[in-house]
Amino acid sequence: MGNFPAELKYTKDHEWIKIDGDIATIGITDFAQGELGDIVYVDIDSLGNTLNLHTVFGTVEAVKTVSDLFMPLSGEVIELNSKLDTNPESVNKDAYGDGWMIKIKISNQAEVGDLLSAADYAALVS
């Protein structure tokens, strides 16, 4: 079935979001990394940028494909997971932990209500 932590929010684009006040940590779901296969490179150059909902914030490169990463919420990219530069496989091994990608300062809290719950996301991918 898959691993869908209940405390997280999700998008139809297979991002997960952990919200802590006005800060959101974002990565791709365990389902997404499984579909992509072995991840060889994570390219995110949006640090310091304020991006709108659904804007591409980077790409993830697997052996067979390159996939865009989309902002699940509008906000300013305040931190990148620099460990992914040397250990992109962290996304495969620990998608919801060491494999996180960016942290943002949320600029529109109203958008949070449009994110999917774990149950909604599980239904989407099942």
PDB file of N, CA and C in Angstrom:
ATOM      1  N   MET A   1       0.843  -1.201   0.000  1.00  0.00           N
ATOM      2  CA  MET A   1       0.000   0.000   0.000  1.00  0.00           C
ATOM      3  C   MET A   1       0.880   1.253   0.000  1.00  0.00           C
ATOM      4  N   GLY A   2       1.675   1.398   1.042  1.00  0.00           N
ATOM      5  CA  GLY A   2       2.510   2.591   1.095  1.00  0.00           C
ATOM      6  C   GLY A   2       2.541   3.173   2.485  1.00  0.00           C
ATOM      7  N   ASN A   3       3.351   4.164   2.627  1.00  0.00           N
ATOM      8  CA  ASN A   3       3.608   4.777   3.914  1.00  0.00           C
ATOM      9  C   ASN A   3       3.124   6.220   3.835  1.00  0.00           C
ATOM     10  N   PHE A   4       2.039   6.539   4.580  1.00  0.00           N
ATOM     11  CA  PHE A   4       1.437   7.869   4.529  1.00  0.00           C
ATOM     12  C   PHE A   4       1.267   8.408   5.956  1.00  0.00           C
ATOM     13  N   PRO A   5       2.320   8.992   6.542  1.00  0.00           N
ATOM     14  CA  PRO A   5       2.192   9.481   7.912  1.00  0.00           C
ATOM     15  C   PRO A   5       1.016  10.441   8.070  1.00  0.00           C
ATOM     16  N   ALA A   6       0.195  10.179   9.084  1.00  0.00           N
ATOM     17  CA  ALA A   6      -1.064  10.913   9.262  1.00  0.00           C
ATOM     18  C   ALA A   6      -0.849  12.370   9.626  1.00  0.00           C
ATOM     19  N   GLU A   7       0.314  12.697  10.218  1.00  0.00           N
ATOM     20  CA  GLU A   7       0.527  14.080  10.660  1.00  0.00           C
ATOM     21  C   GLU A   7       0.931  15.010   9.515  1.00  0.00           C
ATOM     22  N   LEU A   8       1.203  14.430   8.351  1.00  0.00           N
ATOM     23  CA  LEU A   8       1.622  15.223   7.198  1.00  0.00           C
ATOM     24  C   LEU A   8       0.438  15.554   6.306  1.00  0.00           C
ATOM     25  N   LYS A   9       0.630  16.564   5.451  1.00  0.00           N
ATOM     26  CA  LYS A   9      -0.315  16.897   4.389  1.00  0.00           C
ATOM     27  C   LYS A   9       0.336  16.505   3.068  1.00  0.00           C
ATOM     28  N   TYR A  10      -0.476  16.382   2.022  1.00  0.00           N
ATOM     29  CA  TYR A  10       0.005  15.876   0.744  1.00  0.00           C
ATOM     30  C   TYR A  10      -0.580  16.668  -0.421  1.00  0.00           C
ATOM     31  N   THR A  11       0.029  16.497  -1.604  1.00  0.00           N
ATOM     32  CA  THR A  11      -0.517  17.093  -2.825  1.00  0.00           C
ATOM     33  C   THR A  11      -0.704  16.017  -3.883  1.00  0.00           C
ATOM     34  N   LYS A  12      -1.479  16.357  -4.899  1.00  0.00           N
ATOM     35  CA  LYS A  12      -1.668  15.449  -6.039  1.00  0.00           C
ATOM     36  C   LYS A  12      -0.374  15.274  -6.826  1.00  0.00           C
ATOM     37  N   ASP A  13       0.582  16.187  -6.622  1.00  0.00           N
ATOM     38  CA  ASP A  13       1.885  16.102  -7.291  1.00  0.00           C
ATOM     39  C   ASP A  13       2.883  15.266  -6.497  1.00  0.00           C
ATOM     40  N   HIS A  14       2.417  14.613  -5.430  1.00  0.00           N
ATOM     41  CA  HIS A  14       3.234  13.682  -4.630  1.00  0.00           C
ATOM     42  C   HIS A  14       4.278  14.372  -3.757  1.00  0.00           C
ATOM     43  N   GLU A  15       3.968  15.599  -3.334  1.00  0.00           N
ATOM     44  CA  GLU A  15       4.784  16.219  -2.294  1.00  0.00           C
ATOM     45  C   GLU A  15       4.125  15.976  -0.938  1.00  0.00           C
ATOM     46  N   TRP A  16       4.945  15.890   0.102  1.00  0.00           N
ATOM     47  CA  TRP A  16       4.419  15.890   1.476  1.00  0.00           C
ATOM     48  C   TRP A  16       4.827  17.197   2.133  1.00  0.00           C
ATOM     49  N   ILE A  17       4.024  17.607   3.107  1.00  0.00           N
ATOM     50  CA  ILE A  17       4.223  18.880   3.770  1.00  0.00           C
ATOM     51  C   ILE A  17       4.050  18.694   5.271  1.00  0.00           C
ATOM     52  N   LYS A  18       5.045  19.096   6.026  1.00  0.00           N
ATOM     53  CA  LYS A  18       4.945  19.100   7.493  1.00  0.00           C
ATOM     54  C   LYS A  18       4.863  20.558   7.928  1.00  0.00           C
ATOM     55  N   ILE A  19       3.765  20.921   8.563  1.00  0.00           N
ATOM     56  CA  ILE A  19       3.533  22.312   8.918  1.00  0.00           C
ATOM     57  C   ILE A  19       3.808  22.535  10.401  1.00  0.00           C
ATOM     58  N   ASP A  20       4.623  23.554  10.676  1.00  0.00           N
ATOM     59  CA  ASP A  20       4.950  23.929  12.048  1.00  0.00           C
ATOM     60  C   ASP A  20       4.810  25.442  12.134  1.00  0.00           C
ATOM     61  N   GLY A  21       3.631  25.924  12.529  1.00  0.00           N
ATOM     62  CA  GLY A  21       3.364  27.356  12.547  1.00  0.00           C
ATOM     63  C   GLY A  21       3.338  27.891  11.130  1.00  0.00           C
ATOM     64  N   ASP A  22       4.238  28.841  10.823  1.00  0.00           N
ATOM     65  CA  ASP A  22       4.273  29.378   9.457  1.00  0.00           C
ATOM     66  C   ASP A  22       5.445  28.817   8.646  1.00  0.00           C
ATOM     67  N   ILE A  23       6.043  27.740   9.151  1.00  0.00           N
ATOM     68  CA  ILE A  23       7.133  27.067   8.430  1.00  0.00           C
ATOM     69  C   ILE A  23       6.629  25.708   7.937  1.00  0.00           C
ATOM     70  N   ALA A  24       6.931  25.409   6.689  1.00  0.00           N
ATOM     71  CA  ALA A  24       6.568  24.103   6.130  1.00  0.00           C
ATOM     72  C   ALA A  24       7.820  23.417   5.608  1.00  0.00           C
ATOM     73  N   THR A  25       7.988  22.145   5.981  1.00  0.00           N
ATOM     74  CA  THR A  25       9.048  21.301   5.436  1.00  0.00           C
ATOM     75  C   THR A  25       8.409  20.471   4.331  1.00  0.00           C
ATOM     76  N   ILE A  26       9.102  20.357   3.201  1.00  0.00           N
ATOM     77  CA  ILE A  26       8.527  19.742   2.006  1.00  0.00           C
ATOM     78  C   ILE A  26       9.478  18.698   1.439  1.00  0.00           C
ATOM     79  N   GLY A  27       8.904  17.598   0.973  1.00  0.00           N
ATOM     80  CA  GLY A  27       9.672  16.575   0.273  1.00  0.00           C
ATOM     81  C   GLY A  27       8.746  15.835  -0.663  1.00  0.00           C
ATOM     82  N   ILE A  28       9.244  14.748  -1.245  1.00  0.00           N
ATOM     83  CA  ILE A  28       8.367  13.913  -2.066  1.00  0.00           C
ATOM     84  C   ILE A  28       7.993  12.671  -1.268  1.00  0.00           C
ATOM     85  N   THR A  29       6.841  12.131  -1.582  1.00  0.00           N
ATOM     86  CA  THR A  29       6.324  11.016  -0.798  1.00  0.00           C
ATOM     87  C   THR A  29       7.083   9.718  -1.061  1.00  0.00           C
ATOM     88  N   ASP A  30       6.905   8.810  -0.128  1.00  0.00           N
ATOM     89  CA  ASP A  30       7.480   7.480  -0.265  1.00  0.00           C
ATOM     90  C   ASP A  30       6.964   6.813  -1.542  1.00  0.00           C
ATOM     91  N   PHE A  31       5.682   7.033  -1.851  1.00  0.00           N
ATOM     92  CA  PHE A  31       5.112   6.508  -3.095  1.00  0.00           C
ATOM     93  C   PHE A  31       5.864   7.067  -4.310  1.00  0.00           C
ATOM     94  N   ALA A  32       6.105   8.379  -4.305  1.00  0.00           N
ATOM     95  CA  ALA A  32       6.769   9.031  -5.440  1.00  0.00           C
ATOM     96  C   ALA A  32       8.184   8.512  -5.632  1.00  0.00           C
ATOM     97  N   GLN A  33       8.944   8.390  -4.528  1.00  0.00           N
ATOM     98  CA  GLN A  33      10.327   7.905  -4.688  1.00  0.00           C
ATOM     99  C   GLN A  33      10.321   6.481  -5.210  1.00  0.00           C
ATOM    100  N   GLY A  34       9.319   5.681  -4.802  1.00  0.00           N
ATOM    101  CA  GLY A  34       9.214   4.311  -5.300  1.00  0.00           C
ATOM    102  C   GLY A  34       8.928   4.256  -6.784  1.00  0.00           C
ATOM    103  N   GLU A  35       8.079   5.186  -7.248  1.00  0.00           N
ATOM    104  CA  GLU A  35       7.759   5.257  -8.682  1.00  0.00           C
ATOM    105  C   GLU A  35       8.971   5.732  -9.489  1.00  0.00           C
ATOM    106  N   LEU A  36       9.738   6.660  -8.928  1.00  0.00           N
ATOM    107  CA  LEU A  36      10.895   7.207  -9.639  1.00  0.00           C
ATOM    108  C   LEU A  36      12.038   6.212  -9.722  1.00  0.00           C
ATOM    109  N   GLY A  37      12.204   5.409  -8.687  1.00  0.00           N
ATOM    110  CA  GLY A  37      13.346   4.498  -8.627  1.00  0.00           C
ATOM    111  C   GLY A  37      14.549   5.196  -8.005  1.00  0.00           C
ATOM    112  N   ASP A  38      15.743   4.711  -8.312  1.00  0.00           N
ATOM    113  CA  ASP A  38      16.950   5.225  -7.660  1.00  0.00           C
ATOM    114  C   ASP A  38      17.206   6.678  -8.035  1.00  0.00           C
ATOM    115  N   ILE A  39      17.184   7.539  -7.031  1.00  0.00           N
ATOM    116  CA  ILE A  39      17.386   8.965  -7.242  1.00  0.00           C
ATOM    117  C   ILE A  39      18.878   9.264  -7.219  1.00  0.00           C
ATOM    118  N   VAL A  40      19.344   9.933  -8.281  1.00  0.00           N
ATOM    119  CA  VAL A  40      20.775  10.181  -8.437  1.00  0.00           C
ATOM    120  C   VAL A  40      21.141  11.645  -8.246  1.00  0.00           C
ATOM    121  N   TYR A  41      20.158  12.553  -8.310  1.00  0.00           N
ATOM    122  CA  TYR A  41      20.473  13.969  -8.194  1.00  0.00           C
ATOM    123  C   TYR A  41      19.228  14.750  -7.829  1.00  0.00           C
ATOM    124  N   VAL A  42      19.374  15.662  -6.885  1.00  0.00           N
ATOM    125  CA  VAL A  42      18.297  16.581  -6.535  1.00  0.00           C
ATOM    126  C   VAL A  42      18.814  17.983  -6.820  1.00  0.00           C
ATOM    127  N   ASP A  43      18.137  18.712  -7.701  1.00  0.00           N
ATOM    128  CA  ASP A  43      18.581  20.035  -8.141  1.00  0.00           C
ATOM    129  C   ASP A  43      17.571  21.085  -7.698  1.00  0.00           C
ATOM    130  N   ILE A  44      17.939  21.828  -6.666  1.00  0.00           N
ATOM    131  CA  ILE A  44      17.059  22.884  -6.146  1.00  0.00           C
ATOM    132  C   ILE A  44      17.889  24.159  -6.034  1.00  0.00           C
ATOM    133  N   ASP A  45      17.504  25.188  -6.790  1.00  0.00           N
ATOM    134  CA  ASP A  45      18.266  26.443  -6.768  1.00  0.00           C
ATOM    135  C   ASP A  45      17.363  27.627  -6.430  1.00  0.00           C
ATOM    136  N   SER A  46      16.310  27.349  -5.650  1.00  0.00           N
ATOM    137  CA  SER A  46      15.318  28.387  -5.362  1.00  0.00           C
ATOM    138  C   SER A  46      15.480  29.021  -3.976  1.00  0.00           C
ATOM    139  N   LEU A  47      16.595  28.763  -3.305  1.00  0.00           N
ATOM    140  CA  LEU A  47      16.806  29.328  -1.967  1.00  0.00           C
ATOM    141  C   LEU A  47      16.700  30.853  -1.998  1.00  0.00           C
ATOM    142  N   GLY A  48      15.915  31.400  -1.069  1.00  0.00           N
ATOM    143  CA  GLY A  48      15.746  32.844  -0.989  1.00  0.00           C
ATOM    144  C   GLY A  48      14.649  33.391  -1.878  1.00  0.00           C
ATOM    145  N   ASN A  49      14.127  32.559  -2.758  1.00  0.00           N
ATOM    146  CA  ASN A  49      13.059  33.003  -3.658  1.00  0.00           C
ATOM    147  C   ASN A  49      11.699  32.834  -3.002  1.00  0.00           C
ATOM    148  N   THR A  50      10.798  33.741  -3.295  1.00  0.00           N
ATOM    149  CA  THR A  50       9.406  33.586  -2.893  1.00  0.00           C
ATOM    150  C   THR A  50       8.653  33.090  -4.116  1.00  0.00           C
ATOM    151  N   LEU A  51       8.059  31.910  -3.973  1.00  0.00           N
ATOM    152  CA  LEU A  51       7.426  31.235  -5.108  1.00  0.00           C
ATOM    153  C   LEU A  51       5.940  31.036  -4.845  1.00  0.00           C
ATOM    154  N   ASN A  52       5.158  31.104  -5.904  1.00  0.00           N
ATOM    155  CA  ASN A  52       3.722  30.899  -5.797  1.00  0.00           C
ATOM    156  C   ASN A  52       3.377  29.419  -5.818  1.00  0.00           C
ATOM    157  N   LEU A  53       2.207  29.119  -5.320  1.00  0.00           N
ATOM    158  CA  LEU A  53       1.643  27.774  -5.348  1.00  0.00           C
ATOM    159  C   LEU A  53       1.795  27.173  -6.742  1.00  0.00           C
ATOM    160  N   HIS A  54       2.212  25.912  -6.819  1.00  0.00           N
ATOM    161  CA  HIS A  54       2.347  25.126  -8.049  1.00  0.00           C
ATOM    162  C   HIS A  54       3.550  25.516  -8.920  1.00  0.00           C
ATOM    163  N   THR A  55       4.360  26.496  -8.474  1.00  0.00           N
ATOM    164  CA  THR A  55       5.574  26.850  -9.207  1.00  0.00           C
ATOM    165  C   THR A  55       6.618  25.753  -8.999  1.00  0.00           C
ATOM    166  N   VAL A  56       7.438  25.495 -10.013  1.00  0.00           N
ATOM    167  CA  VAL A  56       8.516  24.506  -9.893  1.00  0.00           C
ATOM    168  C   VAL A  56       9.620  25.080  -8.997  1.00  0.00           C
ATOM    169  N   PHE A  57       9.989  24.339  -7.949  1.00  0.00           N
ATOM    170  CA  PHE A  57      11.070  24.805  -7.066  1.00  0.00           C
ATOM    171  C   PHE A  57      12.365  24.036  -7.273  1.00  0.00           C
ATOM    172  N   GLY A  58      12.327  22.996  -8.083  1.00  0.00           N
ATOM    173  CA  GLY A  58      13.522  22.216  -8.356  1.00  0.00           C
ATOM    174  C   GLY A  58      13.155  20.973  -9.142  1.00  0.00           C
ATOM    175  N   THR A  59      14.143  20.105  -9.315  1.00  0.00           N
ATOM    176  CA  THR A  59      13.894  18.842 -10.008  1.00  0.00           C
ATOM    177  C   THR A  59      14.576  17.712  -9.249  1.00  0.00           C
ATOM    178  N   VAL A  60      14.045  16.528  -9.444  1.00  0.00           N
ATOM    179  CA  VAL A  60      14.676  15.332  -8.898  1.00  0.00           C
ATOM    180  C   VAL A  60      14.956  14.411 -10.076  1.00  0.00           C
ATOM    181  N   GLU A  61      16.194  13.920 -10.120  1.00  0.00           N
ATOM    182  CA  GLU A  61      16.624  13.104 -11.244  1.00  0.00           C
ATOM    183  C   GLU A  61      16.824  11.667 -10.773  1.00  0.00           C
ATOM    184  N   ALA A  62      16.118  10.770 -11.446  1.00  0.00           N
ATOM    185  CA  ALA A  62      16.302   9.348 -11.187  1.00  0.00           C
ATOM    186  C   ALA A  62      17.026   8.749 -12.387  1.00  0.00           C
ATOM    187  N   VAL A  63      17.323   7.461 -12.312  1.00  0.00           N
ATOM    188  CA  VAL A  63      18.094   6.820 -13.373  1.00  0.00           C
ATOM    189  C   VAL A  63      17.390   6.978 -14.724  1.00  0.00           C
ATOM    190  N   LYS A  64      16.053   6.858 -14.726  1.00  0.00           N
ATOM    191  CA  LYS A  64      15.318   6.835 -15.989  1.00  0.00           C
ATOM    192  C   LYS A  64      14.582   8.127 -16.326  1.00  0.00           C
ATOM    193  N   THR A  65      14.458   9.062 -15.383  1.00  0.00           N
ATOM    194  CA  THR A  65      13.595  10.215 -15.636  1.00  0.00           C
ATOM    195  C   THR A  65      13.995  11.409 -14.774  1.00  0.00           C
ATOM    196  N   VAL A  66      13.581  12.590 -15.206  1.00  0.00           N
ATOM    197  CA  VAL A  66      13.714  13.805 -14.397  1.00  0.00           C
ATOM    198  C   VAL A  66      12.306  14.307 -14.120  1.00  0.00           C
ATOM    199  N   SER A  67      12.052  14.653 -12.871  1.00  0.00           N
ATOM    200  CA  SER A  67      10.711  15.057 -12.470  1.00  0.00           C
ATOM    201  C   SER A  67      10.757  16.425 -11.790  1.00  0.00           C
ATOM    202  N   ASP A  68       9.821  17.305 -12.173  1.00  0.00           N
ATOM    203  CA  ASP A  68       9.743  18.619 -11.529  1.00  0.00           C
ATOM    204  C   ASP A  68       9.187  18.485 -10.123  1.00  0.00           C
ATOM    205  N   LEU A  69       9.618  19.407  -9.270  1.00  0.00           N
ATOM    206  CA  LEU A  69       9.105  19.510  -7.900  1.00  0.00           C
ATOM    207  C   LEU A  69       8.276  20.785  -7.823  1.00  0.00           C
ATOM    208  N   PHE A  70       7.054  20.675  -7.324  1.00  0.00           N
ATOM    209  CA  PHE A  70       6.133  21.802  -7.315  1.00  0.00           C
ATOM    210  C   PHE A  70       5.874  22.307  -5.902  1.00  0.00           C
ATOM    211  N   MET A  71       5.779  23.622  -5.763  1.00  0.00           N
ATOM    212  CA  MET A  71       5.456  24.239  -4.476  1.00  0.00           C
ATOM    213  C   MET A  71       4.034  23.837  -4.070  1.00  0.00           C
ATOM    214  N   PRO A  72       3.873  23.211  -2.908  1.00  0.00           N
ATOM    215  CA  PRO A  72       2.531  22.852  -2.438  1.00  0.00           C
ATOM    216  C   PRO A  72       1.812  24.030  -1.788  1.00  0.00           C
ATOM    217  N   LEU A  73       2.591  25.061  -1.454  1.00  0.00           N
ATOM    218  CA  LEU A  73       2.080  26.281  -0.813  1.00  0.00           C
ATOM    219  C   LEU A  73       2.919  27.443  -1.331  1.00  0.00           C
ATOM    220  N   SER A  74       2.338  28.633  -1.357  1.00  0.00           N
ATOM    221  CA  SER A  74       3.121  29.825  -1.678  1.00  0.00           C
ATOM    222  C   SER A  74       4.004  30.167  -0.485  1.00  0.00           C
ATOM    223  N   GLY A  75       5.228  30.637  -0.778  1.00  0.00           N
ATOM    224  CA  GLY A  75       6.088  31.032   0.319  1.00  0.00           C
ATOM    225  C   GLY A  75       7.523  31.252  -0.113  1.00  0.00           C
ATOM    226  N   GLU A  76       8.332  31.661   0.860  1.00  0.00           N
ATOM    227  CA  GLU A  76       9.749  31.915   0.620  1.00  0.00           C
ATOM    228  C   GLU A  76      10.559  30.681   0.998  1.00  0.00           C
ATOM    229  N   VAL A  77      11.417  30.240   0.083  1.00  0.00           N
ATOM    230  CA  VAL A  77      12.293  29.095   0.353  1.00  0.00           C
ATOM    231  C   VAL A  77      13.407  29.579   1.290  1.00  0.00           C
ATOM    232  N   ILE A  78      13.392  29.088   2.536  1.00  0.00           N
ATOM    233  CA  ILE A  78      14.334  29.584   3.550  1.00  0.00           C
ATOM    234  C   ILE A  78      15.455  28.602   3.869  1.00  0.00           C
ATOM    235  N   GLU A  79      15.293  27.355   3.453  1.00  0.00           N
ATOM    236  CA  GLU A  79      16.341  26.363   3.745  1.00  0.00           C
ATOM    237  C   GLU A  79      16.273  25.240   2.722  1.00  0.00           C
ATOM    238  N   LEU A  80      17.455  24.748   2.340  1.00  0.00           N
ATOM    239  CA  LEU A  80      17.566  23.565   1.481  1.00  0.00           C
ATOM    240  C   LEU A  80      18.218  22.458   2.290  1.00  0.00           C
ATOM    241  N   ASN A  81      17.898  21.228   1.973  1.00  0.00           N
ATOM    242  CA  ASN A  81      18.565  20.093   2.606  1.00  0.00           C
ATOM    243  C   ASN A  81      19.884  19.849   1.875  1.00  0.00           C
ATOM    244  N   SER A  82      20.953  20.451   2.386  1.00  0.00           N
ATOM    245  CA  SER A  82      22.250  20.378   1.705  1.00  0.00           C
ATOM    246  C   SER A  82      22.808  18.953   1.667  1.00  0.00           C
ATOM    247  N   LYS A  83      22.329  18.071   2.546  1.00  0.00           N
ATOM    248  CA  LYS A  83      22.807  16.686   2.536  1.00  0.00           C
ATOM    249  C   LYS A  83      22.449  15.974   1.228  1.00  0.00           C
ATOM    250  N   LEU A  84      21.412  16.461   0.549  1.00  0.00           N
ATOM    251  CA  LEU A  84      20.996  15.800  -0.693  1.00  0.00           C
ATOM    252  C   LEU A  84      22.009  16.005  -1.813  1.00  0.00           C
ATOM    253  N   ASP A  85      22.879  17.015  -1.675  1.00  0.00           N
ATOM    254  CA  ASP A  85      23.927  17.234  -2.684  1.00  0.00           C
ATOM    255  C   ASP A  85      24.827  16.013  -2.800  1.00  0.00           C
ATOM    256  N   THR A  86      25.169  15.434  -1.639  1.00  0.00           N
ATOM    257  CA  THR A  86      26.078  14.292  -1.642  1.00  0.00           C
ATOM    258  C   THR A  86      25.363  12.961  -1.401  1.00  0.00           C
ATOM    259  N   ASN A  87      24.141  13.025  -0.864  1.00  0.00           N
ATOM    260  CA  ASN A  87      23.397  11.802  -0.571  1.00  0.00           C
ATOM    261  C   ASN A  87      21.957  11.865  -1.113  1.00  0.00           C
ATOM    262  N   PRO A  88      21.797  11.981  -2.433  1.00  0.00           N
ATOM    263  CA  PRO A  88      20.437  12.063  -2.984  1.00  0.00           C
ATOM    264  C   PRO A  88      19.608  10.810  -2.697  1.00  0.00           C
ATOM    265  N   GLU A  89      20.311   9.697  -2.429  1.00  0.00           N
ATOM    266  CA  GLU A  89      19.598   8.444  -2.144  1.00  0.00           C
ATOM    267  C   GLU A  89      18.831   8.503  -0.821  1.00  0.00           C
ATOM    268  N   SER A  90      19.092   9.552  -0.003  1.00  0.00           N
ATOM    269  CA  SER A  90      18.314   9.740   1.233  1.00  0.00           C
ATOM    270  C   SER A  90      16.824   9.839   0.922  1.00  0.00           C
ATOM    271  N   VAL A  91      16.492  10.372  -0.254  1.00  0.00           N
ATOM    272  CA  VAL A  91      15.080  10.494  -0.643  1.00  0.00           C
ATOM    273  C   VAL A  91      14.468   9.105  -0.788  1.00  0.00           C
ATOM    274  N   ASN A  92      15.236   8.148  -1.318  1.00  0.00           N
ATOM    275  CA  ASN A  92      14.753   6.775  -1.442  1.00  0.00           C
ATOM    276  C   ASN A  92      14.672   6.081  -0.084  1.00  0.00           C
ATOM    277  N   LYS A  93      15.691   6.304   0.739  1.00  0.00           N
ATOM    278  CA  LYS A  93      15.793   5.560   2.000  1.00  0.00           C
ATOM    279  C   LYS A  93      14.874   6.094   3.088  1.00  0.00           C
ATOM    280  N   ASP A  94      14.670   7.419   3.109  1.00  0.00           N
ATOM    281  CA  ASP A  94      13.943   8.040   4.223  1.00  0.00           C
ATOM    282  C   ASP A  94      13.215   9.281   3.712  1.00  0.00           C
ATOM    283  N   ALA A  95      12.206   9.049   2.871  1.00  0.00           N
ATOM    284  CA  ALA A  95      11.519  10.146   2.183  1.00  0.00           C
ATOM    285  C   ALA A  95      10.953  11.185   3.142  1.00  0.00           C
ATOM    286  N   TYR A  96      10.481  10.729   4.314  1.00  0.00           N
ATOM    287  CA  TYR A  96       9.837  11.645   5.255  1.00  0.00           C
ATOM    288  C   TYR A  96      10.781  12.158   6.344  1.00  0.00           C
ATOM    289  N   GLY A  97      12.030  11.721   6.296  1.00  0.00           N
ATOM    290  CA  GLY A  97      13.001  12.124   7.312  1.00  0.00           C
ATOM    291  C   GLY A  97      14.177  12.834   6.667  1.00  0.00           C
ATOM    292  N   ASP A  98      15.310  12.108   6.561  1.00  0.00           N
ATOM    293  CA  ASP A  98      16.536  12.686   6.006  1.00  0.00           C
ATOM    294  C   ASP A  98      16.373  13.140   4.556  1.00  0.00           C
ATOM    295  N   GLY A  99      15.342  12.647   3.884  1.00  0.00           N
ATOM    296  CA  GLY A  99      15.142  12.977   2.470  1.00  0.00           C
ATOM    297  C   GLY A  99      14.311  14.219   2.221  1.00  0.00           C
ATOM    298  N   TRP A 100      14.027  15.007   3.273  1.00  0.00           N
ATOM    299  CA  TRP A 100      13.289  16.262   3.058  1.00  0.00           C
ATOM    300  C   TRP A 100      14.063  17.152   2.091  1.00  0.00           C
ATOM    301  N   MET A 101      13.364  18.068   1.433  1.00  0.00           N
ATOM    302  CA  MET A 101      14.014  18.871   0.383  1.00  0.00           C
ATOM    303  C   MET A 101      14.163  20.348   0.714  1.00  0.00           C
ATOM    304  N   ILE A 102      13.056  21.007   1.067  1.00  0.00           N
ATOM    305  CA  ILE A 102      13.132  22.433   1.373  1.00  0.00           C
ATOM    306  C   ILE A 102      12.270  22.773   2.588  1.00  0.00           C
ATOM    307  N   LYS A 103      12.566  23.921   3.167  1.00  0.00           N
ATOM    308  CA  LYS A 103      11.688  24.527   4.172  1.00  0.00           C
ATOM    309  C   LYS A 103      11.278  25.892   3.632  1.00  0.00           C
ATOM    310  N   ILE A 104      10.018  26.209   3.814  1.00  0.00           N
ATOM    311  CA  ILE A 104       9.516  27.503   3.353  1.00  0.00           C
ATOM    312  C   ILE A 104       8.816  28.239   4.489  1.00  0.00           C
ATOM    313  N   LYS A 105       8.772  29.561   4.345  1.00  0.00           N
ATOM    314  CA  LYS A 105       7.945  30.399   5.214  1.00  0.00           C
ATOM    315  C   LYS A 105       6.649  30.617   4.447  1.00  0.00           C
ATOM    316  N   ILE A 106       5.559  30.076   4.977  1.00  0.00           N
ATOM    317  CA  ILE A 106       4.262  30.103   4.292  1.00  0.00           C
ATOM    318  C   ILE A 106       3.765  31.545   4.192  1.00  0.00           C
ATOM    319  N   SER A 107       3.363  31.945   2.986  1.00  0.00           N
ATOM    320  CA  SER A 107       2.881  33.316   2.814  1.00  0.00           C
ATOM    321  C   SER A 107       1.356  33.398   2.740  1.00  0.00           C
ATOM    322  N   ASN A 108       0.693  32.265   2.559  1.00  0.00           N
ATOM    323  CA  ASN A 108      -0.771  32.280   2.496  1.00  0.00           C
ATOM    324  C   ASN A 108      -1.324  31.058   3.227  1.00  0.00           C
ATOM    325  N   GLN A 109      -1.641  31.234   4.504  1.00  0.00           N
ATOM    326  CA  GLN A 109      -2.117  30.105   5.329  1.00  0.00           C
ATOM    327  C   GLN A 109      -3.407  29.494   4.783  1.00  0.00           C
ATOM    328  N   ALA A 110      -4.199  30.276   4.042  1.00  0.00           N
ATOM    329  CA  ALA A 110      -5.460  29.755   3.512  1.00  0.00           C
ATOM    330  C   ALA A 110      -5.234  28.558   2.584  1.00  0.00           C
ATOM    331  N   GLU A 111      -4.074  28.517   1.936  1.00  0.00           N
ATOM    332  CA  GLU A 111      -3.773  27.416   1.006  1.00  0.00           C
ATOM    333  C   GLU A 111      -3.638  26.077   1.720  1.00  0.00           C
ATOM    334  N   VAL A 112      -3.301  26.119   3.017  1.00  0.00           N
ATOM    335  CA  VAL A 112      -3.107  24.881   3.774  1.00  0.00           C
ATOM    336  C   VAL A 112      -4.382  24.036   3.748  1.00  0.00           C
ATOM    337  N   GLY A 113      -5.528  24.690   3.761  1.00  0.00           N
ATOM    338  CA  GLY A 113      -6.801  23.977   3.755  1.00  0.00           C
ATOM    339  C   GLY A 113      -7.060  23.179   2.493  1.00  0.00           C
ATOM    340  N   ASP A 114      -6.314  23.483   1.422  1.00  0.00           N
ATOM    341  CA  ASP A 114      -6.501  22.763   0.158  1.00  0.00           C
ATOM    342  C   ASP A 114      -5.610  21.537   0.024  1.00  0.00           C
ATOM    343  N   LEU A 115      -4.713  21.330   0.986  1.00  0.00           N
ATOM    344  CA  LEU A 115      -3.822  20.161   0.925  1.00  0.00           C
ATOM    345  C   LEU A 115      -4.596  18.889   1.268  1.00  0.00           C
ATOM    346  N   LEU A 116      -4.084  17.768   0.804  1.00  0.00           N
ATOM    347  CA  LEU A 116      -4.729  16.478   1.038  1.00  0.00           C
ATOM    348  C   LEU A 116      -4.322  15.897   2.385  1.00  0.00           C
ATOM    349  N   SER A 117      -5.253  15.205   3.021  1.00  0.00           N
ATOM    350  CA  SER A 117      -4.923  14.430   4.219  1.00  0.00           C
ATOM    351  C   SER A 117      -4.233  13.136   3.780  1.00  0.00           C
ATOM    352  N   ALA A 118      -3.673  12.416   4.748  1.00  0.00           N
ATOM    353  CA  ALA A 118      -3.045  11.127   4.452  1.00  0.00           C
ATOM    354  C   ALA A 118      -4.047  10.182   3.801  1.00  0.00           C
ATOM    355  N   ALA A 119      -5.279  10.150   4.318  1.00  0.00           N
ATOM    356  CA  ALA A 119      -6.315   9.255   3.773  1.00  0.00           C
ATOM    357  C   ALA A 119      -6.665   9.641   2.340  1.00  0.00           C
ATOM    358  N   ASP A 120      -6.778  10.950   2.084  1.00  0.00           N
ATOM    359  CA  ASP A 120      -7.099  11.417   0.722  1.00  0.00           C
ATOM    360  C   ASP A 120      -5.978  11.047  -0.249  1.00  0.00           C
ATOM    361  N   TYR A 121      -4.742  11.222   0.195  1.00  0.00           N
ATOM    362  CA  TYR A 121      -3.606  10.912  -0.673  1.00  0.00           C
ATOM    363  C   TYR A 121      -3.513   9.408  -0.914  1.00  0.00           C
ATOM    364  N   ALA A 122      -3.701   8.624   0.124  1.00  0.00           N
ATOM    365  CA  ALA A 122      -3.672   7.158  -0.026  1.00  0.00           C
ATOM    366  C   ALA A 122      -4.727   6.701  -1.032  1.00  0.00           C
ATOM    367  N   ALA A 123      -5.916   7.323  -0.975  1.00  0.00           N
ATOM    368  CA  ALA A 123      -6.971   6.969  -1.922  1.00  0.00           C
ATOM    369  C   ALA A 123      -6.575   7.364  -3.344  1.00  0.00           C
ATOM    370  N   LEU A 124      -5.887   8.493  -3.480  1.00  0.00           N
ATOM    371  CA  LEU A 124      -5.454   8.986  -4.790  1.00  0.00           C
ATOM    372  C   LEU A 124      -4.483   8.021  -5.480  1.00  0.00           C
ATOM    373  N   VAL A 125      -3.578   7.456  -4.704  1.00  0.00           N
ATOM    374  CA  VAL A 125      -2.518   6.634  -5.308  1.00  0.00           C
ATOM    375  C   VAL A 125      -2.813   5.136  -5.269  1.00  0.00           C
ATOM    376  N   SER A 126      -3.913   4.755  -4.645  1.00  0.00           N
ATOM    377  CA  SER A 126      -4.183   3.318  -4.531  1.00  0.00           C
ATOM    378  C   SER A 126      -4.839   2.759  -5.789  1.00  0.00           C
TER     379      SER A 126
END
